[in-house]
């Protein structure tokens, strides 16, 4: 599903000022509850709650090519995390790139993003089976 971008500067400022924060070597994540989540769910074609995601990279990171590469990698890492693990919905998620993101590989940024989301308690809870155990434990190898 396509991500909804944060377009207004005041939402970035609110996330920076009041949001929960987690930092790693390549990125920093800010999470804030989205007051417009209900309206966005009503407007969504499948009536699903979604996150609004903002990715920023300052000029300290480098030129336009380096900033765009960092944002592309972060966007893909968020997409993979949401598809594989799942991210809680109804929040403003602001991800800022750090200088190390320009020289890092995709797997490094993915690992750091998952670490930060786990630290701010944004990863979706694991699926539970009828017995109450984790589904991964029910499959014996």
Protein backbone atom coordinates (compact mmCIF):
# COMPACT_ATOMS: atom_id res chain seq x y z
CA UNK A 1 0.00 0.00 0.00
CA UNK A 2 1.29 3.46 -0.84
CA UNK A 3 2.43 5.52 2.10
CA UNK A 4 0.79 8.83 2.94
CA UNK A 5 3.45 11.52 3.25
CA UNK A 6 3.56 14.27 5.85
CA UNK A 7 3.39 17.46 3.82
CA UNK A 8 2.98 20.16 6.46
CA UNK A 9 6.00 21.58 8.26
CA UNK A 10 4.07 22.07 11.52
CA UNK A 11 3.55 18.30 11.78
CA UNK A 12 7.30 17.72 11.55
CA UNK A 13 7.84 20.35 14.25
CA UNK A 14 5.23 18.73 16.55
CA UNK A 15 6.81 15.30 16.10
CA UNK A 16 10.26 16.71 16.89
CA UNK A 17 9.02 18.60 19.97
CA UNK A 18 6.49 16.17 21.51
CA UNK A 19 7.10 12.79 19.90
CA UNK A 20 8.76 9.70 21.31
CA UNK A 21 12.31 9.44 19.98
CA UNK A 22 14.71 6.62 19.23
CA UNK A 23 18.07 6.95 17.54
CA UNK A 24 20.52 4.59 15.89
CA UNK A 25 23.70 5.02 13.89
CA UNK A 26 22.01 5.70 10.54
CA UNK A 27 18.58 7.11 11.43
CA UNK A 28 16.49 8.78 14.09
CA UNK A 29 12.75 8.07 14.48
CA UNK A 30 10.09 10.33 16.02
CA UNK A 31 6.58 8.99 16.74
CA UNK A 32 3.51 11.06 17.57
CA UNK A 33 -0.17 10.10 17.68
CA UNK A 34 -2.03 11.40 14.63
CA UNK A 35 -5.14 13.41 15.53
CA UNK A 36 -6.34 13.17 11.95
CA UNK A 37 -6.18 9.34 11.85
CA UNK A 38 -9.97 8.88 12.02
CA UNK A 39 -10.59 11.27 9.15
CA UNK A 40 -7.91 9.56 7.06
CA UNK A 41 -9.46 6.15 7.81
CA UNK A 42 -12.88 7.40 6.69
CA UNK A 43 -11.36 8.73 3.46
CA UNK A 44 -9.35 5.55 2.82
CA UNK A 45 -10.89 3.32 0.10
CA UNK A 46 -10.56 0.19 2.28
CA UNK A 47 -11.38 2.03 5.54
CA UNK A 48 -8.01 1.20 7.09
CA UNK A 49 -6.08 3.25 9.62
CA UNK A 50 -2.76 4.38 8.17
CA UNK A 51 0.41 6.11 9.30
CA UNK A 52 1.60 9.35 7.80
CA UNK A 53 5.32 9.03 7.16
CA UNK A 54 7.81 11.86 6.74
CA UNK A 55 11.43 11.30 5.77
CA UNK A 56 13.91 14.11 6.03
CA UNK A 57 17.57 14.50 5.21
CA UNK A 58 19.34 17.78 5.94
CA UNK A 59 22.03 19.38 3.82
CA UNK A 60 24.60 18.27 6.41
CA UNK A 61 24.24 14.78 4.92
CA UNK A 62 25.58 15.81 1.54
CA UNK A 63 24.48 16.92 -1.88
CA UNK A 64 21.13 16.22 -3.52
CA UNK A 65 22.22 12.80 -4.79
CA UNK A 66 23.30 11.63 -1.33
CA UNK A 67 20.15 13.00 0.33
CA UNK A 68 17.84 11.38 -2.20
CA UNK A 69 19.66 8.04 -1.93
CA UNK A 70 19.34 8.11 1.86
CA UNK A 71 15.61 8.92 1.61
CA UNK A 72 15.05 6.15 -0.97
CA UNK A 73 16.78 3.58 1.25
CA UNK A 74 14.81 4.69 4.34
CA UNK A 75 11.51 4.60 2.43
CA UNK A 76 12.21 1.05 1.25
CA UNK A 77 13.30 -0.05 4.74
CA UNK A 78 10.03 1.27 6.19
CA UNK A 79 8.02 -0.47 3.46
CA UNK A 80 9.77 -3.79 4.11
CA UNK A 81 9.34 -3.50 7.87
CA UNK A 82 5.64 -2.74 7.50
CA UNK A 83 5.15 -5.64 5.08
CA UNK A 84 7.18 -8.27 7.00
CA UNK A 85 6.70 -7.41 10.66
CA UNK A 86 3.98 -4.79 10.72
CA UNK A 87 3.92 -1.30 12.21
CA UNK A 88 1.19 0.04 14.50
CA UNK A 89 -1.17 2.41 12.67
CA UNK A 90 -2.59 5.83 13.44
CA UNK A 91 0.65 7.72 14.03
CA UNK A 92 2.87 10.37 12.52
CA UNK A 93 6.22 8.71 11.81
CA UNK A 94 9.12 11.06 11.11
CA UNK A 95 12.41 9.45 10.12
CA UNK A 96 15.52 11.59 9.78
CA UNK A 97 18.64 10.37 8.06
CA UNK A 98 22.00 10.70 9.75
CA UNK A 99 25.31 11.09 7.97
CA UNK A 100 26.09 7.36 8.29
CA UNK A 101 23.00 6.55 6.16
CA UNK A 102 24.73 7.76 2.99
CA UNK A 103 27.54 5.22 3.27
CA UNK A 104 25.45 2.37 4.70
CA UNK A 105 23.86 -0.55 2.94
CA UNK A 106 20.14 -1.18 2.85
CA UNK A 107 20.39 -3.99 5.44
CA UNK A 108 22.08 -1.66 7.96
CA UNK A 109 19.33 0.93 7.64
CA UNK A 110 16.66 -1.80 7.85
CA UNK A 111 18.21 -3.19 11.05
CA UNK A 112 18.46 0.30 12.59
CA UNK A 113 14.87 1.16 11.64
CA UNK A 114 13.54 -2.04 13.21
CA UNK A 115 15.62 -1.37 16.33
CA UNK A 116 14.23 2.18 16.63
CA UNK A 117 10.63 1.09 16.02
CA UNK A 118 11.00 -1.65 18.64
CA UNK A 119 12.45 0.86 21.09
CA UNK A 120 9.44 3.21 20.76
CA UNK A 121 7.03 0.24 20.83
CA UNK A 122 5.75 0.69 17.27
CA UNK A 123 6.14 -2.84 15.92
CA UNK A 124 2.85 -4.71 15.66
CA UNK A 125 2.34 -7.46 18.23
CA UNK A 126 3.15 -11.00 17.10
CA UNK A 127 0.28 -13.11 15.79
CA UNK A 128 -1.10 -15.43 18.44
CA UNK A 129 -2.60 -18.84 17.70
CA UNK A 130 -5.64 -20.27 19.48
CA UNK A 131 -3.46 -21.89 22.13
CA UNK A 132 -1.95 -18.51 23.03
CA UNK A 133 1.54 -19.38 21.86
CA UNK A 134 3.47 -17.57 19.20
CA UNK A 135 2.87 -19.04 15.73
CA UNK A 136 6.60 -19.47 15.15
CA UNK A 137 6.83 -21.75 18.20
CA UNK A 138 4.07 -24.03 16.89
CA UNK A 139 6.11 -25.06 13.86
CA UNK A 140 8.68 -27.63 14.90
CA UNK A 141 11.67 -28.12 12.66
